[in-house]
PDB file of N, CA and C in Angstrom:
ATOM      1  N   MET A   1       0.845  -1.183   0.000  1.00  0.00           N
ATOM      2  CA  MET A   1      -0.006  -0.006  -0.011  1.00  0.00           C
ATOM      3  C   MET A   1       0.903   1.256  -0.001  1.00  0.00           C
ATOM      4  N   ILE A   2       0.532   2.175  -0.860  1.00  0.00           N
ATOM      5  CA  ILE A   2       1.328   3.424  -0.967  1.00  0.00           C
ATOM      6  C   ILE A   2       0.751   4.419   0.009  1.00  0.00           C
ATOM      7  N   THR A   3       1.635   5.135   0.689  1.00  0.00           N
ATOM      8  CA  THR A   3       1.222   6.218   1.579  1.00  0.00           C
ATOM      9  C   THR A   3       1.643   7.527   0.963  1.00  0.00           C
ATOM     10  N   ILE A   4       1.144   8.606   1.576  1.00  0.00           N
ATOM     11  CA  ILE A   4       1.491   9.961   1.116  1.00  0.00           C
ATOM     12  C   ILE A   4       2.996  10.198   1.191  1.00  0.00           C
ATOM     13  N   GLU A   5       3.594   9.604   2.227  1.00  0.00           N
ATOM     14  CA  GLU A   5       5.035   9.783   2.415  1.00  0.00           C
ATOM     15  C   GLU A   5       5.856   9.175   1.252  1.00  0.00           C
ATOM     16  N   ASP A   6       5.253   8.174   0.583  1.00  0.00           N
ATOM     17  CA  ASP A   6       5.942   7.494  -0.545  1.00  0.00           C
ATOM     18  C   ASP A   6       5.900   8.320  -1.817  1.00  0.00           C
ATOM     19  N   LEU A   7       5.084   9.329  -1.887  1.00  0.00           N
ATOM     20  CA  LEU A   7       4.939  10.132  -3.104  1.00  0.00           C
ATOM     21  C   LEU A   7       5.953  11.251  -3.184  1.00  0.00           C
ATOM     22  N   SER A   8       6.388  11.530  -4.384  1.00  0.00           N
ATOM     23  CA  SER A   8       7.283  12.675  -4.598  1.00  0.00           C
ATOM     24  C   SER A   8       6.444  13.930  -4.519  1.00  0.00           C
ATOM     25  N   LYS A   9       7.095  15.081  -4.478  1.00  0.00           N
ATOM     26  CA  LYS A   9       6.371  16.362  -4.440  1.00  0.00           C
ATOM     27  C   LYS A   9       5.522  16.505  -5.724  1.00  0.00           C
ATOM     28  N   GLU A  10       6.093  16.107  -6.861  1.00  0.00           N
ATOM     29  CA  GLU A  10       5.353  16.220  -8.121  1.00  0.00           C
ATOM     30  C   GLU A  10       4.112  15.297  -8.121  1.00  0.00           C
ATOM     31  N   GLU A  11       4.282  14.084  -7.628  1.00  0.00           N
ATOM     32  CA  GLU A  11       3.147  13.131  -7.571  1.00  0.00           C
ATOM     33  C   GLU A  11       2.083  13.620  -6.600  1.00  0.00           C
ATOM     34  N   LEU A  12       2.513  14.167  -5.482  1.00  0.00           N
ATOM     35  CA  LEU A  12       1.583  14.702  -4.492  1.00  0.00           C
ATOM     36  C   LEU A  12       0.832  15.894  -5.073  1.00  0.00           C
ATOM     37  N   ALA A  13       1.544  16.757  -5.785  1.00  0.00           N
ATOM     38  CA  ALA A  13       0.884  17.936  -6.399  1.00  0.00           C
ATOM     39  C   ALA A  13      -0.115  17.470  -7.446  1.00  0.00           C
ATOM     40  N   MET A  14       0.244  16.470  -8.231  1.00  0.00           N
ATOM     41  CA  MET A  14      -0.680  15.938  -9.244  1.00  0.00           C
ATOM     42  C   MET A  14      -1.930  15.341  -8.572  1.00  0.00           C
ATOM     43  N   LEU A  15      -1.738  14.633  -7.450  1.00  0.00           N
ATOM     44  CA  LEU A  15      -2.874  14.038  -6.734  1.00  0.00           C
ATOM     45  C   LEU A  15      -3.769  15.132  -6.194  1.00  0.00           C
ATOM     46  N   VAL A  16      -3.195  16.195  -5.650  1.00  0.00           N
ATOM     47  CA  VAL A  16      -4.024  17.302  -5.110  1.00  0.00           C
ATOM     48  C   VAL A  16      -4.797  17.951  -6.263  1.00  0.00           C
ATOM     49  N   ARG A  17      -4.154  18.164  -7.423  1.00  0.00           N
ATOM     50  CA  ARG A  17      -4.874  18.773  -8.562  1.00  0.00           C
ATOM     51  C   ARG A  17      -6.019  17.859  -9.016  1.00  0.00           C
ATOM     52  N   LYS A  18      -5.831  16.575  -9.045  1.00  0.00           N
ATOM     53  CA  LYS A  18      -6.890  15.655  -9.406  1.00  0.00           C
ATOM     54  C   LYS A  18      -8.049  15.690  -8.418  1.00  0.00           C
ATOM     55  N   LEU A  19      -7.706  15.739  -7.127  1.00  0.00           N
ATOM     56  CA  LEU A  19      -8.746  15.816  -6.114  1.00  0.00           C
ATOM     57  C   LEU A  19      -9.541  17.115  -6.226  1.00  0.00           C
ATOM     58  N   LEU A  20      -8.837  18.217  -6.464  1.00  0.00           N
ATOM     59  CA  LEU A  20      -9.536  19.493  -6.608  1.00  0.00           C
ATOM     60  C   LEU A  20     -10.420  19.496  -7.855  1.00  0.00           C
ATOM     61  N   ALA A  21      -9.932  18.889  -8.939  1.00  0.00           N
ATOM     62  CA  ALA A  21     -10.740  18.826 -10.161  1.00  0.00           C
ATOM     63  C   ALA A  21     -12.030  17.974  -9.926  1.00  0.00           C
ATOM     64  N   CYS A  22     -11.878  16.891  -9.193  1.00  0.00           N
ATOM     65  CA  CYS A  22     -13.057  16.074  -8.870  1.00  0.00           C
ATOM     66  C   CYS A  22     -14.011  16.851  -7.974  1.00  0.00           C
ATOM     67  N   ASP A  23     -13.474  17.595  -7.037  1.00  0.00           N
ATOM     68  CA  ASP A  23     -14.325  18.400  -6.145  1.00  0.00           C
ATOM     69  C   ASP A  23     -15.100  19.441  -6.911  1.00  0.00           C
ATOM     70  N   GLU A  24     -14.451  20.109  -7.879  1.00  0.00           N
ATOM     71  CA  GLU A  24     -15.089  21.100  -8.722  1.00  0.00           C
ATOM     72  C   GLU A  24     -16.172  20.463  -9.574  1.00  0.00           C
ATOM     73  N   SER A  25     -15.841  19.285 -10.107  1.00  0.00           N
ATOM     74  CA  SER A  25     -16.857  18.562 -10.939  1.00  0.00           C
ATOM     75  C   SER A  25     -18.066  18.205 -10.124  1.00  0.00           C
ATOM     76  N   ILE A  26     -17.832  17.706  -8.925  1.00  0.00           N
ATOM     77  CA  ILE A  26     -18.974  17.332  -8.072  1.00  0.00           C
ATOM     78  C   ILE A  26     -19.788  18.561  -7.726  1.00  0.00           C
ATOM     79  N   ALA A  27     -19.117  19.657  -7.402  1.00  0.00           N
ATOM     80  CA  ALA A  27     -19.846  20.917  -7.092  1.00  0.00           C
ATOM     81  C   ALA A  27     -20.682  21.362  -8.277  1.00  0.00           C
ATOM     82  N   ARG A  28     -20.146  21.282  -9.500  1.00  0.00           N
ATOM     83  CA  ARG A  28     -20.905  21.650 -10.700  1.00  0.00           C
ATOM     84  C   ARG A  28     -22.129  20.746 -10.876  1.00  0.00           C
ATOM     85  N   LEU A  29     -21.912  19.447 -10.673  1.00  0.00           N
ATOM     86  CA  LEU A  29     -23.042  18.506 -10.815  1.00  0.00           C
ATOM     87  C   LEU A  29     -24.125  18.750  -9.795  1.00  0.00           C
ATOM     88  N   ILE A  30     -23.730  19.033  -8.559  1.00  0.00           N
ATOM     89  CA  ILE A  30     -24.728  19.319  -7.516  1.00  0.00           C
ATOM     90  C   ILE A  30     -25.498  20.592  -7.850  1.00  0.00           C
ATOM     91  N   THR A  31     -24.800  21.608  -8.329  1.00  0.00           N
ATOM     92  CA  THR A  31     -25.458  22.850  -8.736  1.00  0.00           C
ATOM     93  C   THR A  31     -26.426  22.595  -9.884  1.00  0.00           C
ATOM     94  N   GLU A  32     -25.980  21.820 -10.874  1.00  0.00           N
ATOM     95  CA  GLU A  32     -26.857  21.471 -12.010  1.00  0.00           C
ATOM     96  C   GLU A  32     -28.083  20.717 -11.516  1.00  0.00           C
ATOM     97  N   TRP A  33     -27.851  19.765 -10.610  1.00  0.00           N
ATOM     98  CA  TRP A  33     -28.962  18.973 -10.036  1.00  0.00           C
ATOM     99  C   TRP A  33     -29.971  19.900  -9.315  1.00  0.00           C
ATOM    100  N   ASP A  34     -29.432  20.790  -8.483  1.00  0.00           N
ATOM    101  CA  ASP A  34     -30.302  21.702  -7.721  1.00  0.00           C
ATOM    102  C   ASP A  34     -31.153  22.566  -8.652  1.00  0.00           C
ATOM    103  N   LEU A  35     -30.509  23.151  -9.660  1.00  0.00           N
ATOM    104  CA  LEU A  35     -31.238  24.013 -10.612  1.00  0.00           C
ATOM    105  C   LEU A  35     -32.314  23.240 -11.362  1.00  0.00           C
ATOM    106  N   LEU A  36     -31.989  22.015 -11.794  1.00  0.00           N
ATOM    107  CA  LEU A  36     -32.951  21.216 -12.496  1.00  0.00           C
ATOM    108  C   LEU A  36     -34.104  20.796 -11.586  1.00  0.00           C
ATOM    109  N   ASP A  37     -33.775  20.499 -10.322  1.00  0.00           N
ATOM    110  CA  ASP A  37     -34.803  20.123  -9.368  1.00  0.00           C
ATOM    111  C   ASP A  37     -35.775  21.278  -9.118  1.00  0.00           C
ATOM    112  N   VAL A  38     -35.276  22.488  -9.001  1.00  0.00           N
ATOM    113  CA  VAL A  38     -36.139  23.642  -8.827  1.00  0.00           C
ATOM    114  C   VAL A  38     -36.982  23.858 -10.076  1.00  0.00           C
ATOM    115  N   ARG A  39     -36.380  23.736 -11.256  1.00  0.00           N
ATOM    116  CA  ARG A  39     -37.133  23.878 -12.507  1.00  0.00           C
ATOM    117  C   ARG A  39     -38.267  22.833 -12.589  1.00  0.00           C
ATOM    118  N   ALA A  40     -37.957  21.599 -12.195  1.00  0.00           N
ATOM    119  CA  ALA A  40     -38.999  20.553 -12.222  1.00  0.00           C
ATOM    120  C   ALA A  40     -40.115  20.876 -11.263  1.00  0.00           C
ATOM    121  N   ALA A  41     -39.806  21.395 -10.094  1.00  0.00           N
ATOM    122  CA  ALA A  41     -40.827  21.736  -9.099  1.00  0.00           C
ATOM    123  C   ALA A  41     -41.715  22.871  -9.620  1.00  0.00           C
ATOM    124  N   VAL A  42     -41.109  23.869 -10.263  1.00  0.00           N
ATOM    125  CA  VAL A  42     -41.873  24.986 -10.840  1.00  0.00           C
ATOM    126  C   VAL A  42     -42.811  24.445 -11.935  1.00  0.00           C
ATOM    127  N   LEU A  43     -42.299  23.577 -12.779  1.00  0.00           N
ATOM    128  CA  LEU A  43     -43.130  23.023 -13.850  1.00  0.00           C
ATOM    129  C   LEU A  43     -44.257  22.176 -13.281  1.00  0.00           C
ATOM    130  N   ARG A  44     -43.997  21.422 -12.228  1.00  0.00           N
ATOM    131  CA  ARG A  44     -45.043  20.617 -11.583  1.00  0.00           C
ATOM    132  C   ARG A  44     -46.163  21.518 -11.057  1.00  0.00           C
ATOM    133  N   GLY A  45     -45.804  22.621 -10.436  1.00  0.00           N
ATOM    134  CA  GLY A  45     -46.788  23.606  -9.962  1.00  0.00           C
ATOM    135  C   GLY A  45     -47.604  24.189 -11.101  1.00  0.00           C
ATOM    136  N   ARG A  46     -46.923  24.555 -12.180  1.00  0.00           N
ATOM    137  CA  ARG A  46     -47.624  25.105 -13.340  1.00  0.00           C
ATOM    138  C   ARG A  46     -48.554  24.052 -13.955  1.00  0.00           C
ATOM    139  N   MET A  47     -48.082  22.813 -13.995  1.00  0.00           N
ATOM    140  CA  MET A  47     -48.902  21.723 -14.533  1.00  0.00           C
ATOM    141  C   MET A  47     -50.162  21.539 -13.697  1.00  0.00           C
ATOM    142  N   ASP A  48     -49.989  21.560 -12.387  1.00  0.00           N
ATOM    143  CA  ASP A  48     -51.149  21.404 -11.484  1.00  0.00           C
ATOM    144  C   ASP A  48     -52.192  22.496 -11.726  1.00  0.00           C
ATOM    145  N   ARG A  49     -51.710  23.749 -11.838  1.00  0.00           N
ATOM    146  CA  ARG A  49     -52.637  24.869 -12.097  1.00  0.00           C
ATOM    147  C   ARG A  49     -53.280  24.743 -13.463  1.00  0.00           C
ATOM    148  N   ALA A  50     -52.500  24.334 -14.471  1.00  0.00           N
ATOM    149  CA  ALA A  50     -53.050  24.184 -15.843  1.00  0.00           C
ATOM    150  C   ALA A  50     -54.097  23.062 -15.848  1.00  0.00           C
ATOM    151  N   TRP A  51     -53.835  21.988 -15.126  1.00  0.00           N
ATOM    152  CA  TRP A  51     -54.793  20.856 -15.103  1.00  0.00           C
ATOM    153  C   TRP A  51     -56.065  21.271 -14.386  1.00  0.00           C
ATOM    154  N   LEU A  52     -55.924  22.069 -13.328  1.00  0.00           N
ATOM    155  CA  LEU A  52     -57.122  22.550 -12.625  1.00  0.00           C
ATOM    156  C   LEU A  52     -57.980  23.448 -13.549  1.00  0.00           C
ATOM    157  N   ALA A  53     -57.321  24.347 -14.248  1.00  0.00           N
ATOM    158  CA  ALA A  53     -58.012  25.226 -15.196  1.00  0.00           C
ATOM    159  C   ALA A  53     -58.685  24.416 -16.315  1.00  0.00           C
ATOM    160  N   CYS A  54     -57.982  23.404 -16.795  1.00  0.00           N
ATOM    161  CA  CYS A  54     -58.550  22.541 -17.847  1.00  0.00           C
ATOM    162  C   CYS A  54     -59.758  21.783 -17.322  1.00  0.00           C
ATOM    163  N   SER A  55     -59.655  21.304 -16.084  1.00  0.00           N
ATOM    164  CA  SER A  55     -60.805  20.579 -15.495  1.00  0.00           C
ATOM    165  C   SER A  55     -62.009  21.488 -15.356  1.00  0.00           C
ATOM    166  N   ARG A  56     -61.768  22.717 -14.953  1.00  0.00           N
ATOM    167  CA  ARG A  56     -62.881  23.692 -14.825  1.00  0.00           C
ATOM    168  C   ARG A  56     -63.494  23.966 -16.177  1.00  0.00           C
ATOM    169  N   ALA A  57     -62.674  24.121 -17.212  1.00  0.00           N
ATOM    170  CA  ALA A  57     -63.192  24.364 -18.535  1.00  0.00           C
ATOM    171  C   ALA A  57     -63.986  23.157 -19.037  1.00  0.00           C
ATOM    172  N   SER A  58     -63.522  21.956 -18.718  1.00  0.00           N
ATOM    173  CA  SER A  58     -64.265  20.741 -19.077  1.00  0.00           C
ATOM    174  C   SER A  58     -65.605  20.679 -18.393  1.00  0.00           C
ATOM    175  N   GLU A  59     -65.626  21.092 -17.109  1.00  0.00           N
ATOM    176  CA  GLU A  59     -66.893  21.126 -16.391  1.00  0.00           C
ATOM    177  C   GLU A  59     -67.879  22.111 -17.021  1.00  0.00           C
ATOM    178  N   LEU A  60     -67.350  23.247 -17.463  1.00  0.00           N
ATOM    179  CA  LEU A  60     -68.169  24.251 -18.149  1.00  0.00           C
ATOM    180  C   LEU A  60     -68.767  23.708 -19.420  1.00  0.00           C
ATOM    181  N   VAL A  61     -67.913  23.031 -20.202  1.00  0.00           N
ATOM    182  CA  VAL A  61     -68.402  22.421 -21.468  1.00  0.00           C
ATOM    183  C   VAL A  61     -69.455  21.386 -21.169  1.00  0.00           C
ATOM    184  N   GLU A  62     -69.228  20.592 -20.143  1.00  0.00           N
ATOM    185  CA  GLU A  62     -70.216  19.560 -19.774  1.00  0.00           C
ATOM    186  C   GLU A  62     -71.528  20.201 -19.345  1.00  0.00           C
ATOM    187  N   ALA A  63     -71.436  21.265 -18.539  1.00  0.00           N
ATOM    188  CA  ALA A  63     -72.647  21.964 -18.075  1.00  0.00           C
ATOM    189  C   ALA A  63     -73.405  22.576 -19.258  1.00  0.00           C
ATOM    190  N   LEU A  64     -72.666  23.147 -20.190  1.00  0.00           N
ATOM    191  CA  LEU A  64     -73.318  23.721 -21.394  1.00  0.00           C
ATOM    192  C   LEU A  64     -73.981  22.659 -22.244  1.00  0.00           C
ATOM    193  N   SER A  65     -73.402  21.455 -22.238  1.00  0.00           N
ATOM    194  CA  SER A  65     -73.995  20.388 -23.052  1.00  0.00           C
ATOM    195  C   SER A  65     -75.347  19.939 -22.477  1.00  0.00           C
ATOM    196  N   ARG A  66     -75.568  20.122 -21.185  1.00  0.00           N
ATOM    197  CA  ARG A  66     -76.827  19.758 -20.570  1.00  0.00           C
ATOM    198  C   ARG A  66     -77.882  20.842 -20.644  1.00  0.00           C
ATOM    199  N   LYS A  67     -77.450  22.031 -21.021  1.00  0.00           N
ATOM    200  CA  LYS A  67     -78.343  23.175 -21.010  1.00  0.00           C
ATOM    201  C   LYS A  67     -79.011  23.293 -22.415  1.00  0.00           C
ATOM    202  N   PRO A  68     -80.312  23.525 -22.451  1.00  0.00           N
ATOM    203  CA  PRO A  68     -80.987  23.693 -23.752  1.00  0.00           C
ATOM    204  C   PRO A  68     -80.732  25.090 -24.292  1.00  0.00           C
ATOM    205  N   ASN A  69     -80.793  25.236 -25.582  1.00  0.00           N
ATOM    206  CA  ASN A  69     -80.708  26.512 -26.279  1.00  0.00           C
ATOM    207  C   ASN A  69     -79.444  27.314 -25.965  1.00  0.00           C
ATOM    208  N   VAL A  70     -78.303  26.653 -25.968  1.00  0.00           N
ATOM    209  CA  VAL A  70     -77.019  27.371 -25.745  1.00  0.00           C
ATOM    210  C   VAL A  70     -76.613  28.031 -27.020  1.00  0.00           C
ATOM    211  N   ASN A  71     -76.176  29.275 -26.918  1.00  0.00           N
ATOM    212  CA  ASN A  71     -75.684  30.043 -28.052  1.00  0.00           C
ATOM    213  C   ASN A  71     -74.497  29.269 -28.642  1.00  0.00           C
ATOM    214  N   PRO A  72     -74.483  29.003 -29.942  1.00  0.00           N
ATOM    215  CA  PRO A  72     -73.377  28.244 -30.550  1.00  0.00           C
ATOM    216  C   PRO A  72     -72.006  28.919 -30.356  1.00  0.00           C
ATOM    217  N   GLN A  73     -71.973  30.245 -30.319  1.00  0.00           N
ATOM    218  CA  GLN A  73     -70.691  30.966 -30.081  1.00  0.00           C
ATOM    219  C   GLN A  73     -70.175  30.696 -28.672  1.00  0.00           C
ATOM    220  N   THR A  74     -71.072  30.665 -27.752  1.00  0.00           N
ATOM    221  CA  THR A  74     -70.696  30.390 -26.337  1.00  0.00           C
ATOM    222  C   THR A  74     -70.123  28.977 -26.267  1.00  0.00           C
ATOM    223  N   TRP A  75     -70.814  28.044 -26.901  1.00  0.00           N
ATOM    224  CA  TRP A  75     -70.340  26.669 -26.919  1.00  0.00           C
ATOM    225  C   TRP A  75     -68.944  26.548 -27.554  1.00  0.00           C
ATOM    226  N   LYS A  76     -68.786  27.243 -28.691  1.00  0.00           N
ATOM    227  CA  LYS A  76     -67.510  27.184 -29.408  1.00  0.00           C
ATOM    228  C   LYS A  76     -66.371  27.806 -28.573  1.00  0.00           C
ATOM    229  N   ARG A  77     -66.635  28.953 -27.910  1.00  0.00           N
ATOM    230  CA  ARG A  77     -65.623  29.589 -27.073  1.00  0.00           C
ATOM    231  C   ARG A  77     -65.230  28.683 -25.941  1.00  0.00           C
ATOM    232  N   ALA A  78     -66.188  28.041 -25.335  1.00  0.00           N
ATOM    233  CA  ALA A  78     -65.895  27.104 -24.213  1.00  0.00           C
ATOM    234  C   ALA A  78     -65.050  25.937 -24.680  1.00  0.00           C
ATOM    235  N   MET A  79     -65.400  25.362 -25.814  1.00  0.00           N
ATOM    236  CA  MET A  79     -64.630  24.243 -26.368  1.00  0.00           C
ATOM    237  C   MET A  79     -63.212  24.653 -26.734  1.00  0.00           C
ATOM    238  N   ASN A  80     -63.076  25.832 -27.353  1.00  0.00           N
ATOM    239  CA  ASN A  80     -61.752  26.333 -27.709  1.00  0.00           C
ATOM    240  C   ASN A  80     -60.891  26.572 -26.467  1.00  0.00           C
ATOM    241  N   LYS A  81     -61.504  27.139 -25.454  1.00  0.00           N
ATOM    242  CA  LYS A  81     -60.745  27.377 -24.217  1.00  0.00           C
ATOM    243  C   LYS A  81     -60.266  26.064 -23.593  1.00  0.00           C
ATOM    244  N   GLU A  82     -61.146  25.064 -23.580  1.00  0.00           N
ATOM    245  CA  GLU A  82     -60.789  23.768 -23.033  1.00  0.00           C
ATOM    246  C   GLU A  82     -59.607  23.195 -23.845  1.00  0.00           C
ATOM    247  N   GLU A  83     -59.668  23.281 -25.154  1.00  0.00           N
ATOM    248  CA  GLU A  83     -58.590  22.750 -26.019  1.00  0.00           C
ATOM    249  C   GLU A  83     -57.262  23.502 -25.786  1.00  0.00           C
ATOM    250  N   ARG A  84     -57.339  24.812 -25.656  1.00  0.00           N
ATOM    251  CA  ARG A  84     -56.134  25.598 -25.415  1.00  0.00           C
ATOM    252  C   ARG A  84     -55.495  25.263 -24.069  1.00  0.00           C
ATOM    253  N   LEU A  85     -56.336  25.125 -23.037  1.00  0.00           N
ATOM    254  CA  LEU A  85     -55.833  24.776 -21.725  1.00  0.00           C
ATOM    255  C   LEU A  85     -55.194  23.386 -21.714  1.00  0.00           C
ATOM    256  N   PHE A  86     -55.827  22.457 -22.401  1.00  0.00           N
ATOM    257  CA  PHE A  86     -55.251  21.119 -22.446  1.00  0.00           C
ATOM    258  C   PHE A  86     -53.948  21.121 -23.199  1.00  0.00           C
ATOM    259  N   ALA A  87     -53.865  21.871 -24.296  1.00  0.00           N
ATOM    260  CA  ALA A  87     -52.608  21.985 -25.067  1.00  0.00           C
ATOM    261  C   ALA A  87     -51.493  22.604 -24.201  1.00  0.00           C
ATOM    262  N   GLU A  88     -51.859  23.617 -23.381  1.00  0.00           N
ATOM    263  CA  GLU A  88     -50.879  24.217 -22.463  1.00  0.00           C
ATOM    264  C   GLU A  88     -50.396  23.187 -21.461  1.00  0.00           C
ATOM    265  N   TRP A  89     -51.281  22.394 -20.926  1.00  0.00           N
ATOM    266  CA  TRP A  89     -50.896  21.377 -19.968  1.00  0.00           C
ATOM    267  C   TRP A  89     -49.950  20.335 -20.636  1.00  0.00           C
ATOM    268  N   GLN A  90     -50.265  19.959 -21.858  1.00  0.00           N
ATOM    269  CA  GLN A  90     -49.390  19.020 -22.582  1.00  0.00           C
ATOM    270  C   GLN A  90     -48.000  19.618 -22.813  1.00  0.00           C
ATOM    271  N   ARG A  91     -47.979  20.897 -23.200  1.00  0.00           N
ATOM    272  CA  ARG A  91     -46.676  21.577 -23.405  1.00  0.00           C
ATOM    273  C   ARG A  91     -45.867  21.582 -22.118  1.00  0.00           C
ATOM    274  N   LEU A  92     -46.512  21.878 -20.990  1.00  0.00           N
ATOM    275  CA  LEU A  92     -45.807  21.871 -19.711  1.00  0.00           C
ATOM    276  C   LEU A  92     -45.334  20.473 -19.346  1.00  0.00           C
ATOM    277  N   ARG A  93     -46.137  19.465 -19.641  1.00  0.00           N
ATOM    278  CA  ARG A  93     -45.763  18.088 -19.347  1.00  0.00           C
ATOM    279  C   ARG A  93     -44.530  17.710 -20.138  1.00  0.00           C
ATOM    280  N   GLU A  94     -44.480  18.116 -21.405  1.00  0.00           N
ATOM    281  CA  GLU A  94     -43.288  17.828 -22.241  1.00  0.00           C
ATOM    282  C   GLU A  94     -42.046  18.520 -21.678  1.00  0.00           C
ATOM    283  N   GLN A  95     -42.183  19.730 -21.253  1.00  0.00           N
ATOM    284  CA  GLN A  95     -41.075  20.465 -20.631  1.00  0.00           C
ATOM    285  C   GLN A  95     -40.625  19.760 -19.374  1.00  0.00           C
ATOM    286  N   ARG A  96     -41.599  19.356 -18.541  1.00  0.00           N
ATOM    287  CA  ARG A  96     -41.281  18.636 -17.301  1.00  0.00           C
ATOM    288  C   ARG A  96     -40.563  17.353 -17.612  1.00  0.00           C
ATOM    289  N   ASP A  97     -41.012  16.602 -18.600  1.00  0.00           N
ATOM    290  CA  ASP A  97     -40.374  15.348 -18.967  1.00  0.00           C
ATOM    291  C   ASP A  97     -38.929  15.551 -19.400  1.00  0.00           C
ATOM    292  N   THR A  98     -38.692  16.648 -20.152  1.00  0.00           N
ATOM    293  CA  THR A  98     -37.315  16.992 -20.552  1.00  0.00           C
ATOM    294  C   THR A  98     -36.446  17.284 -19.356  1.00  0.00           C
ATOM    295  N   VAL A  99     -36.979  18.036 -18.411  1.00  0.00           N
ATOM    296  CA  VAL A  99     -36.236  18.371 -17.196  1.00  0.00           C
ATOM    297  C   VAL A  99     -35.959  17.120 -16.357  1.00  0.00           C
ATOM    298  N   VAL A 100     -36.949  16.261 -16.244  1.00  0.00           N
ATOM    299  CA  VAL A 100     -36.759  15.003 -15.485  1.00  0.00           C
ATOM    300  C   VAL A 100     -35.709  14.151 -16.149  1.00  0.00           C
ATOM    301  N   ASP A 101     -35.702  14.067 -17.466  1.00  0.00           N
ATOM    302  CA  ASP A 101     -34.638  13.327 -18.188  1.00  0.00           C
ATOM    303  C   ASP A 101     -33.265  13.928 -17.860  1.00  0.00           C
ATOM    304  N   ALA A 102     -33.172  15.243 -17.840  1.00  0.00           N
ATOM    305  CA  ALA A 102     -31.891  15.897 -17.486  1.00  0.00           C
ATOM    306  C   ALA A 102     -31.520  15.648 -16.055  1.00  0.00           C
ATOM    307  N   LEU A 103     -32.516  15.618 -15.150  1.00  0.00           N
ATOM    308  CA  LEU A 103     -32.247  15.282 -13.743  1.00  0.00           C
ATOM    309  C   LEU A 103     -31.700  13.888 -13.625  1.00  0.00           C
ATOM    310  N   ASN A 104     -32.294  12.957 -14.320  1.00  0.00           N
ATOM    311  CA  ASN A 104     -31.845  11.563 -14.259  1.00  0.00           C
ATOM    312  C   ASN A 104     -30.397  11.450 -14.788  1.00  0.00           C
ATOM    313  N   ALA A 105     -30.132  12.174 -15.894  1.00  0.00           N
ATOM    314  CA  ALA A 105     -28.763  12.141 -16.433  1.00  0.00           C
ATOM    315  C   ALA A 105     -27.768  12.760 -15.464  1.00  0.00           C
ATOM    316  N   ALA A 106     -28.153  13.859 -14.821  1.00  0.00           N
ATOM    317  CA  ALA A 106     -27.261  14.488 -13.824  1.00  0.00           C
ATOM    318  C   ALA A 106     -27.033  13.568 -12.650  1.00  0.00           C
ATOM    319  N   PHE A 107     -28.087  12.886 -12.221  1.00  0.00           N
ATOM    320  CA  PHE A 107     -27.949  11.929 -11.118  1.00  0.00           C
ATOM    321  C   PHE A 107     -26.998  10.801 -11.490  1.00  0.00           C
ATOM    322  N   ASP A 108     -27.146  10.294 -12.716  1.00  0.00           N
ATOM    323  CA  ASP A 108     -26.249   9.212 -13.161  1.00  0.00           C
ATOM    324  C   ASP A 108     -24.799   9.674 -13.133  1.00  0.00           C
ATOM    325  N   ARG A 109     -24.549  10.914 -13.553  1.00  0.00           N
ATOM    326  CA  ARG A 109     -23.193  11.426 -13.529  1.00  0.00           C
ATOM    327  C   ARG A 109     -22.698  11.625 -12.102  1.00  0.00           C
ATOM    328  N   MET A 110     -23.593  12.060 -11.190  1.00  0.00           N
ATOM    329  CA  MET A 110     -23.190  12.259  -9.800  1.00  0.00           C
ATOM    330  C   MET A 110     -22.797  10.964  -9.142  1.00  0.00           C
ATOM    331  N   VAL A 111     -23.499   9.857  -9.453  1.00  0.00           N
ATOM    332  CA  VAL A 111     -23.216   8.603  -8.779  1.00  0.00           C
ATOM    333  C   VAL A 111     -22.198   7.751  -9.551  1.00  0.00           C
ATOM    334  N   GLY A 112     -21.631   8.347 -10.589  1.00  0.00           N
ATOM    335  CA  GLY A 112     -20.562   7.665 -11.281  1.00  0.00           C
ATOM    336  C   GLY A 112     -20.952   6.976 -12.572  1.00  0.00           C
ATOM    337  N   GLY A 113     -22.121   7.313 -13.105  1.00  0.00           N
ATOM    338  CA  GLY A 113     -22.540   6.732 -14.373  1.00  0.00           C
ATOM    339  C   GLY A 113     -21.621   7.197 -15.500  1.00  0.00           C
ATOM    340  N   ASP A 114     -21.113   8.403 -15.397  1.00  0.00           N
ATOM    341  CA  ASP A 114     -20.161   8.950 -16.388  1.00  0.00           C
ATOM    342  C   ASP A 114     -18.953   9.455 -15.639  1.00  0.00           C
ATOM    343  N   ASP A 115     -17.856   9.567 -16.322  1.00  0.00           N
ATOM    344  CA  ASP A 115     -16.642  10.107 -15.746  1.00  0.00           C
ATOM    345  C   ASP A 115     -16.804  11.634 -15.616  1.00  0.00           C
ATOM    346  N   VAL A 116     -16.847  12.134 -14.400  1.00  0.00           N
ATOM    347  CA  VAL A 116     -17.120  13.559 -14.184  1.00  0.00           C
ATOM    348  C   VAL A 116     -15.908  14.435 -14.320  1.00  0.00           C
ATOM    349  N   ARG A 117     -14.773  13.841 -14.649  1.00  0.00           N
ATOM    350  CA  ARG A 117     -13.529  14.673 -14.735  1.00  0.00           C
ATOM    351  C   ARG A 117     -13.394  15.386 -16.066  1.00  0.00           C
ATOM    352  N   HIS A 118     -14.276  15.138 -16.993  1.00  0.00           N
ATOM    353  CA  HIS A 118     -14.149  15.751 -18.343  1.00  0.00           C
ATOM    354  C   HIS A 118     -14.814  17.113 -18.327  1.00  0.00           C
TER     355      HIS A 118
END
């Protein structure tokens, strides 16, 4: 087993540089993870609000369908709003999925899935 005393000054300096580089890489990965985690949480909140709005719009469309003599323009506006809200929710879900994929990749790098020294 090699001890620190067995290393030359040059070898010791190289070891310290490698340790510092690993420490910087780990710090960058943790920062990346934290930023992605916050982004995912924000997107989850936006998705929840978008889903709630979409549900309310669906309830309105359903209520209008039970009502006799509904103005066709009112019906059309309600349907369009429901479609727009659902499309917004889908867009947010796609963004969230992209962030979750990035989170998973960052986690893999943090636990050694990739060489973090590059």
